[in-house]
Amino acid sequence: MSQTSASSVIDFLSIVERLKRTKRTGWINNGITGPESIADHMYRMGIMAMLIDDAAIDRTKCIKMSIVHDLAEALVGDITPYDGVSKEQKYVLEREGMQKIVQSLNNSSVAQEIESLWLEFEDNETSEANLVHDLDKCEMIQQAMEYEVSDGKQLDSFFESTKDIFTHPQVKAWVEEIYRRRKSSN
């Protein structure tokens, strides 16, 4: 494996910058004023992963997985279930995007780690991937609750799409608290 050159790193960081500017499609489609970016979403997920207290989970891996799980969206955009793209096609597009990202980093060990974390998240067969999937959806409903307050919107579809899907006990407790707060604010 080759080293990552300074030029490759700067090229990669320019790709990552797109995540800071790309607003999440679900919020745009629901008329949210000043919606979060993909990077905003991944950042809070990384913080959430830091808050997990579970000796059976590799927390560092979860933090890393949280901040790379949507990385391919820098190249393919934020594709939602309502965009008319099948799950299979979305995976192909994101996989191709991830391969371009790996190539942009000269297939270095860091690039391989990023790709490995992304694949683990996509396969969703490890405890860490399961947790990060929970965090992904938990962060989404946390944001939905906040937008309901700030924008005066009803965003029921985000809550309905995640009903009873959470598996990690700590995330389940957070979700219960989100529902409690949402109910008390309505």
N, C-alpha and C. Protein backbone atom coordinates (compact mmCIF):
# COMPACT_ATOMS: atom_id res chain seq x y z
N MET A 1 0.83 -1.18 0.00
CA MET A 1 0.00 0.00 0.00
C MET A 1 0.87 1.24 0.00
N SER A 2 0.45 2.22 -0.77
CA SER A 2 1.24 3.44 -0.87
C SER A 2 0.85 4.43 0.23
N GLN A 3 1.74 5.37 0.48
CA GLN A 3 1.48 6.44 1.42
C GLN A 3 0.49 7.41 0.78
N THR A 4 -0.18 8.15 1.60
CA THR A 4 -1.08 9.17 1.11
C THR A 4 -0.31 10.48 0.99
N SER A 5 -0.20 11.00 -0.20
CA SER A 5 0.54 12.25 -0.42
C SER A 5 -0.27 13.43 0.09
N ALA A 6 0.42 14.53 0.34
CA ALA A 6 -0.25 15.76 0.77
C ALA A 6 -1.28 16.18 -0.27
N SER A 7 -0.94 16.04 -1.54
CA SER A 7 -1.87 16.40 -2.61
C SER A 7 -3.13 15.55 -2.56
N SER A 8 -2.97 14.24 -2.33
CA SER A 8 -4.12 13.35 -2.25
C SER A 8 -5.00 13.69 -1.05
N VAL A 9 -4.38 14.01 0.06
CA VAL A 9 -5.14 14.37 1.26
C VAL A 9 -5.97 15.61 1.00
N ILE A 10 -5.37 16.62 0.39
CA ILE A 10 -6.11 17.86 0.12
C ILE A 10 -7.23 17.61 -0.88
N ASP A 11 -6.99 16.77 -1.88
CA ASP A 11 -8.06 16.39 -2.81
C ASP A 11 -9.20 15.70 -2.06
N PHE A 12 -8.85 14.77 -1.18
CA PHE A 12 -9.85 14.04 -0.39
C PHE A 12 -10.64 15.01 0.50
N LEU A 13 -9.94 15.91 1.17
CA LEU A 13 -10.62 16.87 2.04
C LEU A 13 -11.56 17.78 1.26
N SER A 14 -11.23 18.04 0.01
CA SER A 14 -12.14 18.83 -0.84
C SER A 14 -13.41 18.04 -1.16
N ILE A 15 -13.27 16.74 -1.29
CA ILE A 15 -14.45 15.88 -1.46
C ILE A 15 -15.29 15.92 -0.19
N VAL A 16 -14.64 15.78 0.95
CA VAL A 16 -15.33 15.79 2.25
C VAL A 16 -16.06 17.12 2.45
N GLU A 17 -15.47 18.22 1.96
CA GLU A 17 -16.09 19.54 2.13
C GLU A 17 -17.50 19.58 1.54
N ARG A 18 -17.73 18.79 0.52
CA ARG A 18 -19.06 18.75 -0.10
C ARG A 18 -20.12 18.32 0.91
N LEU A 19 -19.72 17.49 1.88
CA LEU A 19 -20.66 17.04 2.91
C LEU A 19 -21.09 18.19 3.80
N LYS A 20 -20.24 19.18 3.95
CA LYS A 20 -20.58 20.35 4.75
C LYS A 20 -21.60 21.24 4.05
N ARG A 21 -21.57 21.24 2.72
CA ARG A 21 -22.46 22.09 1.94
C ARG A 21 -23.74 21.39 1.49
N THR A 22 -23.73 20.06 1.49
CA THR A 22 -24.90 19.31 1.00
C THR A 22 -25.91 19.13 2.13
N LYS A 23 -27.07 19.73 1.94
CA LYS A 23 -28.14 19.65 2.94
C LYS A 23 -28.86 18.31 2.81
N ARG A 24 -29.34 17.82 3.93
CA ARG A 24 -30.03 16.52 3.94
C ARG A 24 -31.38 16.64 3.22
N THR A 25 -31.57 15.73 2.28
CA THR A 25 -32.72 15.75 1.39
C THR A 25 -34.05 15.67 2.13
N GLY A 26 -34.13 14.83 3.13
CA GLY A 26 -35.39 14.67 3.86
C GLY A 26 -35.88 15.97 4.47
N TRP A 27 -34.96 16.78 4.94
CA TRP A 27 -35.35 18.06 5.56
C TRP A 27 -35.75 19.07 4.48
N ILE A 28 -35.02 19.06 3.37
CA ILE A 28 -35.37 19.96 2.26
C ILE A 28 -36.78 19.62 1.77
N ASN A 29 -37.03 18.32 1.58
CA ASN A 29 -38.34 17.88 1.08
C ASN A 29 -39.48 18.22 2.03
N ASN A 30 -39.16 18.46 3.31
CA ASN A 30 -40.18 18.82 4.29
C ASN A 30 -40.19 20.31 4.60
N GLY A 31 -39.51 21.10 3.78
CA GLY A 31 -39.58 22.55 3.91
C GLY A 31 -38.90 23.13 5.13
N ILE A 32 -37.89 22.44 5.63
CA ILE A 32 -37.17 22.94 6.81
C ILE A 32 -36.29 24.13 6.41
N THR A 33 -36.35 25.17 7.20
CA THR A 33 -35.54 26.36 6.97
C THR A 33 -34.13 26.09 7.51
N GLY A 34 -33.12 26.27 6.66
CA GLY A 34 -31.73 26.05 7.09
C GLY A 34 -31.47 24.64 7.57
N PRO A 35 -31.76 23.63 6.75
CA PRO A 35 -31.60 22.24 7.19
C PRO A 35 -30.13 21.87 7.42
N GLU A 36 -29.96 20.86 8.25
CA GLU A 36 -28.61 20.38 8.54
C GLU A 36 -27.96 19.80 7.29
N SER A 37 -26.64 19.80 7.30
CA SER A 37 -25.88 19.18 6.22
C SER A 37 -25.61 17.72 6.57
N ILE A 38 -25.12 16.99 5.60
CA ILE A 38 -24.72 15.60 5.84
C ILE A 38 -23.63 15.56 6.90
N ALA A 39 -22.68 16.50 6.83
CA ALA A 39 -21.59 16.56 7.81
C ALA A 39 -22.13 16.84 9.21
N ASP A 40 -23.12 17.71 9.32
CA ASP A 40 -23.73 17.99 10.63
C ASP A 40 -24.27 16.70 11.24
N HIS A 41 -24.98 15.94 10.42
CA HIS A 41 -25.57 14.68 10.85
C HIS A 41 -24.49 13.70 11.34
N MET A 42 -23.44 13.55 10.54
CA MET A 42 -22.38 12.59 10.91
C MET A 42 -21.62 13.06 12.15
N TYR A 43 -21.45 14.36 12.29
CA TYR A 43 -20.75 14.89 13.46
C TYR A 43 -21.50 14.53 14.75
N ARG A 44 -22.81 14.81 14.76
CA ARG A 44 -23.56 14.49 15.98
C ARG A 44 -23.59 12.99 16.23
N MET A 45 -23.64 12.20 15.18
CA MET A 45 -23.56 10.75 15.37
C MET A 45 -22.24 10.35 16.03
N GLY A 46 -21.15 10.98 15.63
CA GLY A 46 -19.84 10.70 16.25
C GLY A 46 -19.86 11.03 17.73
N ILE A 47 -20.48 12.17 18.08
CA ILE A 47 -20.61 12.54 19.50
C ILE A 47 -21.49 11.53 20.23
N MET A 48 -22.57 11.12 19.60
CA MET A 48 -23.45 10.12 20.21
C MET A 48 -22.69 8.82 20.48
N ALA A 49 -21.86 8.41 19.52
CA ALA A 49 -21.07 7.18 19.70
C ALA A 49 -20.12 7.32 20.89
N MET A 50 -19.60 8.52 21.09
CA MET A 50 -18.73 8.75 22.26
C MET A 50 -19.47 8.56 23.57
N LEU A 51 -20.76 8.78 23.57
CA LEU A 51 -21.58 8.72 24.79
C LEU A 51 -22.02 7.30 25.15
N ILE A 52 -21.77 6.35 24.26
CA ILE A 52 -22.18 4.96 24.51
C ILE A 52 -21.29 4.37 25.60
N ASP A 53 -21.93 3.77 26.57
CA ASP A 53 -21.23 3.12 27.68
C ASP A 53 -21.57 1.63 27.64
N ASP A 54 -20.79 0.90 26.87
CA ASP A 54 -21.06 -0.52 26.66
C ASP A 54 -19.72 -1.22 26.41
N ALA A 55 -19.27 -2.00 27.37
CA ALA A 55 -17.96 -2.66 27.28
C ALA A 55 -17.90 -3.66 26.13
N ALA A 56 -19.06 -4.12 25.64
CA ALA A 56 -19.07 -5.10 24.55
C ALA A 56 -18.91 -4.45 23.18
N ILE A 57 -18.88 -3.14 23.13
CA ILE A 57 -18.82 -2.39 21.87
C ILE A 57 -17.47 -1.70 21.75
N ASP A 58 -16.89 -1.74 20.57
CA ASP A 58 -15.67 -0.98 20.28
C ASP A 58 -16.10 0.45 19.95
N ARG A 59 -16.07 1.29 20.96
CA ARG A 59 -16.58 2.66 20.83
C ARG A 59 -15.78 3.46 19.80
N THR A 60 -14.47 3.29 19.78
CA THR A 60 -13.64 4.01 18.81
C THR A 60 -14.05 3.66 17.39
N LYS A 61 -14.29 2.39 17.15
CA LYS A 61 -14.75 1.96 15.82
C LYS A 61 -16.09 2.61 15.48
N CYS A 62 -16.97 2.69 16.47
CA CYS A 62 -18.29 3.30 16.23
C CYS A 62 -18.18 4.79 15.92
N ILE A 63 -17.27 5.48 16.59
CA ILE A 63 -17.05 6.90 16.30
C ILE A 63 -16.57 7.05 14.86
N LYS A 64 -15.58 6.25 14.49
CA LYS A 64 -15.06 6.31 13.12
C LYS A 64 -16.13 5.94 12.10
N MET A 65 -16.88 4.89 12.37
CA MET A 65 -17.91 4.45 11.45
C MET A 65 -18.98 5.53 11.29
N SER A 66 -19.30 6.21 12.37
CA SER A 66 -20.29 7.29 12.31
C SER A 66 -19.86 8.42 11.39
N ILE A 67 -18.56 8.73 11.40
CA ILE A 67 -18.11 9.86 10.59
C ILE A 67 -17.74 9.49 9.16
N VAL A 68 -17.84 8.20 8.83
CA VAL A 68 -17.61 7.81 7.42
C VAL A 68 -18.83 7.15 6.78
N HIS A 69 -19.86 6.85 7.53
CA HIS A 69 -20.95 6.03 6.98
C HIS A 69 -21.67 6.69 5.80
N ASP A 70 -21.71 8.02 5.74
CA ASP A 70 -22.34 8.72 4.62
C ASP A 70 -21.32 9.40 3.70
N LEU A 71 -20.08 9.03 3.81
CA LEU A 71 -19.00 9.69 3.05
C LEU A 71 -19.23 9.65 1.54
N ALA A 72 -19.73 8.55 1.03
CA ALA A 72 -19.96 8.43 -0.42
C ALA A 72 -20.99 9.44 -0.92
N GLU A 73 -21.82 9.94 -0.02
CA GLU A 73 -22.82 10.94 -0.41
C GLU A 73 -22.18 12.23 -0.88
N ALA A 74 -20.91 12.44 -0.57
CA ALA A 74 -20.19 13.60 -1.10
C ALA A 74 -20.13 13.54 -2.62
N LEU A 75 -20.16 12.34 -3.17
CA LEU A 75 -20.09 12.16 -4.62
C LEU A 75 -21.44 11.83 -5.25
N VAL A 76 -22.33 11.15 -4.52
CA VAL A 76 -23.60 10.72 -5.12
C VAL A 76 -24.82 11.48 -4.59
N GLY A 77 -24.64 12.28 -3.56
CA GLY A 77 -25.74 13.01 -2.97
C GLY A 77 -26.47 12.20 -1.92
N ASP A 78 -27.41 12.85 -1.26
CA ASP A 78 -28.21 12.23 -0.20
C ASP A 78 -29.46 11.62 -0.81
N ILE A 79 -29.40 10.33 -1.08
CA ILE A 79 -30.50 9.62 -1.72
C ILE A 79 -31.43 9.08 -0.64
N THR A 80 -32.71 9.46 -0.71
CA THR A 80 -33.69 9.01 0.27
C THR A 80 -34.58 7.92 -0.33
N PRO A 81 -35.33 7.22 0.52
CA PRO A 81 -36.26 6.19 0.00
C PRO A 81 -37.32 6.76 -0.95
N TYR A 82 -37.52 8.08 -0.92
CA TYR A 82 -38.55 8.71 -1.75
C TYR A 82 -38.02 9.21 -3.10
N ASP A 83 -36.74 8.94 -3.39
CA ASP A 83 -36.13 9.45 -4.61
C ASP A 83 -36.29 8.52 -5.82
N GLY A 84 -36.97 7.40 -5.65
CA GLY A 84 -37.19 6.48 -6.77
C GLY A 84 -35.96 5.66 -7.15
N VAL A 85 -35.02 5.56 -6.23
CA VAL A 85 -33.81 4.76 -6.46
C VAL A 85 -33.90 3.53 -5.55
N SER A 86 -33.77 2.35 -6.13
CA SER A 86 -33.86 1.13 -5.33
C SER A 86 -32.70 1.05 -4.34
N LYS A 87 -32.88 0.26 -3.29
CA LYS A 87 -31.80 0.06 -2.32
C LYS A 87 -30.57 -0.51 -3.00
N GLU A 88 -30.79 -1.42 -3.94
CA GLU A 88 -29.69 -2.04 -4.66
C GLU A 88 -28.92 -1.01 -5.48
N GLN A 89 -29.65 -0.16 -6.20
CA GLN A 89 -29.01 0.86 -7.03
C GLN A 89 -28.30 1.90 -6.15
N LYS A 90 -28.91 2.25 -5.03
CA LYS A 90 -28.27 3.19 -4.11
C LYS A 90 -26.94 2.61 -3.62
N TYR A 91 -26.96 1.33 -3.28
CA TYR A 91 -25.72 0.69 -2.83
C TYR A 91 -24.66 0.73 -3.92
N VAL A 92 -25.04 0.42 -5.16
CA VAL A 92 -24.09 0.43 -6.28
C VAL A 92 -23.50 1.84 -6.45
N LEU A 93 -24.35 2.85 -6.43
CA LEU A 93 -23.86 4.23 -6.59
C LEU A 93 -22.90 4.61 -5.47
N GLU A 94 -23.29 4.27 -4.24
CA GLU A 94 -22.44 4.62 -3.09
C GLU A 94 -21.15 3.79 -3.09
N ARG A 95 -21.25 2.55 -3.50
CA ARG A 95 -20.04 1.70 -3.58
C ARG A 95 -19.07 2.28 -4.60
N GLU A 96 -19.57 2.69 -5.74
CA GLU A 96 -18.71 3.32 -6.75
C GLU A 96 -18.10 4.61 -6.21
N GLY A 97 -18.90 5.38 -5.49
CA GLY A 97 -18.38 6.60 -4.87
C GLY A 97 -17.28 6.30 -3.87
N MET A 98 -17.50 5.27 -3.07
CA MET A 98 -16.48 4.89 -2.07
C MET A 98 -15.20 4.42 -2.76
N GLN A 99 -15.33 3.70 -3.86
CA GLN A 99 -14.14 3.26 -4.59
C GLN A 99 -13.35 4.46 -5.13
N LYS A 100 -14.05 5.49 -5.59
CA LYS A 100 -13.37 6.72 -6.05
C LYS A 100 -12.65 7.40 -4.89
N ILE A 101 -13.27 7.38 -3.73
CA ILE A 101 -12.65 8.00 -2.54
C ILE A 101 -11.39 7.23 -2.16
N VAL A 102 -11.48 5.91 -2.17
CA VAL A 102 -10.31 5.07 -1.86
C VAL A 102 -9.19 5.35 -2.86
N GLN A 103 -9.54 5.44 -4.12
CA GLN A 103 -8.54 5.75 -5.16
C GLN A 103 -7.94 7.13 -4.94
N SER A 104 -8.78 8.10 -4.51
CA SER A 104 -8.26 9.46 -4.31
C SER A 104 -7.21 9.50 -3.21
N LEU A 105 -7.26 8.53 -2.32
CA LEU A 105 -6.28 8.42 -1.24
C LEU A 105 -5.20 7.38 -1.55
N ASN A 106 -5.04 7.09 -2.83
CA ASN A 106 -4.00 6.17 -3.31
C ASN A 106 -4.07 4.78 -2.71
N ASN A 107 -5.28 4.34 -2.38
CA ASN A 107 -5.47 3.00 -1.83
C ASN A 107 -4.60 2.78 -0.58
N SER A 108 -4.35 3.86 0.15
CA SER A 108 -3.50 3.81 1.34
C SER A 108 -4.17 3.02 2.46
N SER A 109 -3.44 2.78 3.53
CA SER A 109 -4.02 2.06 4.67
C SER A 109 -5.19 2.82 5.27
N VAL A 110 -5.10 4.14 5.29
CA VAL A 110 -6.22 4.95 5.80
C VAL A 110 -7.43 4.79 4.88
N ALA A 111 -7.20 4.81 3.58
CA ALA A 111 -8.29 4.62 2.62
C ALA A 111 -8.94 3.25 2.82
N GLN A 112 -8.11 2.24 3.04
CA GLN A 112 -8.63 0.88 3.27
C GLN A 112 -9.46 0.82 4.56
N GLU A 113 -9.01 1.53 5.58
CA GLU A 113 -9.77 1.57 6.84
C GLU A 113 -11.13 2.24 6.62
N ILE A 114 -11.14 3.35 5.91
CA ILE A 114 -12.40 4.06 5.62
C ILE A 114 -13.35 3.14 4.86
N GLU A 115 -12.82 2.47 3.84
CA GLU A 115 -13.66 1.57 3.04
C GLU A 115 -14.17 0.40 3.89
N SER A 116 -13.31 -0.15 4.71
CA SER A 116 -13.69 -1.27 5.57
C SER A 116 -14.79 -0.87 6.55
N LEU A 117 -14.67 0.31 7.14
CA LEU A 117 -15.70 0.80 8.06
C LEU A 117 -17.02 1.00 7.32
N TRP A 118 -16.95 1.56 6.12
CA TRP A 118 -18.15 1.79 5.33
C TRP A 118 -18.83 0.46 4.98
N LEU A 119 -18.02 -0.50 4.54
CA LEU A 119 -18.58 -1.82 4.19
C LEU A 119 -19.19 -2.50 5.41
N GLU A 120 -18.53 -2.39 6.55
CA GLU A 120 -19.07 -2.99 7.78
C GLU A 120 -20.42 -2.36 8.12
N PHE A 121 -20.51 -1.03 7.99
CA PHE A 121 -21.78 -0.35 8.23
C PHE A 121 -22.84 -0.87 7.26
N GLU A 122 -22.51 -0.93 5.99
CA GLU A 122 -23.46 -1.37 4.97
C GLU A 122 -23.92 -2.81 5.20
N ASP A 123 -22.98 -3.69 5.57
CA ASP A 123 -23.32 -5.10 5.81
C ASP A 123 -24.17 -5.27 7.07
N ASN A 124 -23.96 -4.41 8.04
CA ASN A 124 -24.75 -4.37 9.29
C ASN A 124 -24.81 -5.74 9.98
N GLU A 125 -23.66 -6.40 10.09
CA GLU A 125 -23.62 -7.72 10.70
C GLU A 125 -22.85 -7.76 12.02
N THR A 126 -22.25 -6.64 12.43
CA THR A 126 -21.50 -6.60 13.68
C THR A 126 -22.26 -5.77 14.71
N SER A 127 -21.90 -5.96 15.96
CA SER A 127 -22.52 -5.16 17.03
C SER A 127 -22.30 -3.68 16.81
N GLU A 128 -21.09 -3.35 16.34
CA GLU A 128 -20.77 -1.94 16.10
C GLU A 128 -21.62 -1.36 14.97
N ALA A 129 -21.77 -2.09 13.88
CA ALA A 129 -22.59 -1.62 12.77
C ALA A 129 -24.05 -1.48 13.20
N ASN A 130 -24.54 -2.45 13.97
CA ASN A 130 -25.92 -2.36 14.48
C ASN A 130 -26.11 -1.11 15.31
N LEU A 131 -25.14 -0.83 16.17
CA LEU A 131 -25.22 0.36 17.01
C LEU A 131 -25.22 1.62 16.15
N VAL A 132 -24.33 1.69 15.17
CA VAL A 132 -24.25 2.90 14.34
C VAL A 132 -25.53 3.08 13.51
N HIS A 133 -26.15 2.00 13.10
CA HIS A 133 -27.46 2.12 12.45
C HIS A 133 -28.48 2.70 13.41
N ASP A 134 -28.45 2.25 14.66
CA ASP A 134 -29.34 2.83 15.67
C ASP A 134 -29.06 4.32 15.85
N LEU A 135 -27.78 4.67 15.92
CA LEU A 135 -27.41 6.08 16.09
C LEU A 135 -27.87 6.92 14.90
N ASP A 136 -27.75 6.37 13.71
CA ASP A 136 -28.16 7.06 12.49
C ASP A 136 -29.64 7.46 12.58
N LYS A 137 -30.47 6.52 12.95
CA LYS A 137 -31.91 6.79 13.03
C LYS A 137 -32.26 7.60 14.27
N CYS A 138 -31.57 7.37 15.36
CA CYS A 138 -31.82 8.15 16.58
C CYS A 138 -31.46 9.62 16.35
N GLU A 139 -30.34 9.87 15.69
CA GLU A 139 -29.96 11.25 15.41
C GLU A 139 -31.01 11.90 14.51
N MET A 140 -31.54 11.14 13.57
CA MET A 140 -32.54 11.67 12.66
C MET A 140 -33.80 12.10 13.41
N ILE A 141 -34.28 11.26 14.34
CA ILE A 141 -35.51 11.65 15.05
C ILE A 141 -35.23 12.74 16.09
N GLN A 142 -34.03 12.78 16.64
CA GLN A 142 -33.65 13.90 17.51
C GLN A 142 -33.76 15.20 16.70
N GLN A 143 -33.18 15.18 15.48
CA GLN A 143 -33.23 16.37 14.62
C GLN A 143 -34.67 16.69 14.23
N ALA A 144 -35.46 15.67 13.93
CA ALA A 144 -36.87 15.90 13.58
C ALA A 144 -37.60 16.58 14.73
N MET A 145 -37.37 16.11 15.95
CA MET A 145 -38.01 16.73 17.11
C MET A 145 -37.59 18.20 17.22
N GLU A 146 -36.32 18.47 17.01
CA GLU A 146 -35.83 19.85 17.10
C GLU A 146 -36.43 20.73 16.00
N TYR A 147 -36.58 20.19 14.79
CA TYR A 147 -37.19 20.95 13.71
C TYR A 147 -38.68 21.16 13.94
N GLU A 148 -39.34 20.20 14.57
CA GLU A 148 -40.75 20.40 14.89
C GLU A 148 -40.91 21.63 15.79
N VAL A 149 -39.99 21.79 16.72
CA VAL A 149 -40.05 22.94 17.63
C VAL A 149 -39.63 24.22 16.89
N SER A 150 -38.48 24.19 16.21
CA SER A 150 -37.95 25.41 15.60
C SER A 150 -38.75 25.88 14.39
N ASP A 151 -39.29 24.93 13.61
CA ASP A 151 -39.98 25.29 12.38
C ASP A 151 -41.50 25.13 12.46
N GLY A 152 -41.98 24.65 13.60
CA GLY A 152 -43.42 24.47 13.76
C GLY A 152 -44.02 23.47 12.79
N LYS A 153 -43.26 22.43 12.45
CA LYS A 153 -43.71 21.41 11.49
C LYS A 153 -44.08 20.14 12.24
N GLN A 154 -44.91 19.34 11.61
CA GLN A 154 -45.18 17.99 12.07
C GLN A 154 -44.39 17.05 11.17
N LEU A 155 -43.48 16.32 11.74
CA LEU A 155 -42.60 15.45 10.96
C LEU A 155 -42.82 13.99 11.33
N ASP A 156 -44.08 13.61 11.41
CA ASP A 156 -44.47 12.27 11.84
C ASP A 156 -43.80 11.15 11.05
N SER A 157 -43.58 11.36 9.75
CA SER A 157 -43.05 10.27 8.91
C SER A 157 -41.67 9.81 9.38
N PHE A 158 -40.87 10.71 9.95
CA PHE A 158 -39.55 10.33 10.44
C PHE A 158 -39.67 9.42 11.66
N PHE A 159 -40.65 9.68 12.48
CA PHE A 159 -40.87 8.85 13.67
C PHE A 159 -41.51 7.51 13.29
N GLU A 160 -42.46 7.56 12.36
CA GLU A 160 -43.13 6.34 11.91
C GLU A 160 -42.15 5.38 11.23
N SER A 161 -41.19 5.94 10.47
CA SER A 161 -40.25 5.08 9.74
C SER A 161 -39.24 4.40 10.65
N THR A 162 -39.15 4.85 11.89
CA THR A 162 -38.18 4.26 12.82
C THR A 162 -38.83 3.55 14.01
N LYS A 163 -40.13 3.47 14.00
CA LYS A 163 -40.85 2.87 15.13
C LYS A 163 -40.41 1.43 15.35
N ASP A 164 -40.00 1.15 16.56
CA ASP A 164 -39.64 -0.21 17.01
C ASP A 164 -38.44 -0.82 16.27
N ILE A 165 -37.54 -0.01 15.72
CA ILE A 165 -36.38 -0.57 15.03
C ILE A 165 -35.11 -0.57 15.87
N PHE A 166 -35.12 0.15 16.98
CA PHE A 166 -33.90 0.31 17.77
C PHE A 166 -33.61 -0.94 18.59
N THR A 167 -32.32 -1.28 18.68
CA THR A 167 -31.95 -2.51 19.37
C THR A 167 -31.04 -2.30 20.58
N HIS A 168 -30.18 -1.29 20.55
CA HIS A 168 -29.23 -1.09 21.64
C HIS A 168 -29.95 -0.45 22.83
N PRO A 169 -29.80 -1.02 24.04
CA PRO A 169 -30.53 -0.53 25.21
C PRO A 169 -30.31 0.96 25.50
N GLN A 170 -29.10 1.44 25.37
CA GLN A 170 -28.85 2.85 25.67
C GLN A 170 -29.52 3.75 24.63
N VAL A 171 -29.46 3.37 23.37
CA VAL A 171 -30.12 4.15 22.32
C VAL A 171 -31.63 4.08 22.51
N LYS A 172 -32.15 2.92 22.89
CA LYS A 172 -33.59 2.80 23.16
C LYS A 172 -34.02 3.79 24.25
N ALA A 173 -33.21 3.94 25.27
CA ALA A 173 -33.52 4.89 26.35
C ALA A 173 -33.53 6.32 25.81
N TRP A 174 -32.58 6.64 24.94
CA TRP A 174 -32.55 7.98 24.33
C TRP A 174 -33.81 8.20 23.50
N VAL A 175 -34.19 7.19 22.73
CA VAL A 175 -35.37 7.29 21.87
C VAL A 175 -36.62 7.50 22.72
N GLU A 176 -36.73 6.77 23.82
CA GLU A 176 -37.88 6.96 24.72
C GLU A 176 -37.93 8.39 25.24
N GLU A 177 -36.76 8.95 25.56
CA GLU A 177 -36.71 10.32 26.04
C GLU A 177 -37.10 11.31 24.93
N ILE A 178 -36.66 11.05 23.72
CA ILE A 178 -37.05 11.90 22.59
C ILE A 178 -38.57 11.88 22.44
N TYR A 179 -39.17 10.69 22.49
CA TYR A 179 -40.63 10.58 22.37
C TYR A 179 -41.32 11.30 23.53
N ARG A 180 -40.79 11.17 24.73
CA ARG A 180 -41.39 11.84 25.89
C ARG A 180 -41.36 13.35 25.69
N ARG A 181 -40.22 13.87 25.26
CA ARG A 181 -40.09 15.32 25.06
C ARG A 181 -40.96 15.81 23.91
N ARG A 182 -41.04 14.99 22.86
CA ARG A 182 -41.87 15.37 21.72
C ARG A 182 -43.33 15.46 22.14
N LYS A 183 -43.77 14.49 22.92
CA LYS A 183 -45.17 14.47 23.38
C LYS A 183 -45.45 15.68 24.27
N SER A 184 -44.52 16.03 25.13
CA SER A 184 -44.75 17.15 26.05
C SER A 184 -44.70 18.50 25.35
N SER A 185 -44.06 18.56 24.17
CA SER A 185 -44.00 19.84 23.44
C SER A 185 -45.16 20.03 22.48
N ASN A 186 -45.91 18.95 22.22
CA ASN A 186 -47.07 19.05 21.30
C ASN A 186 -48.31 19.43 22.01
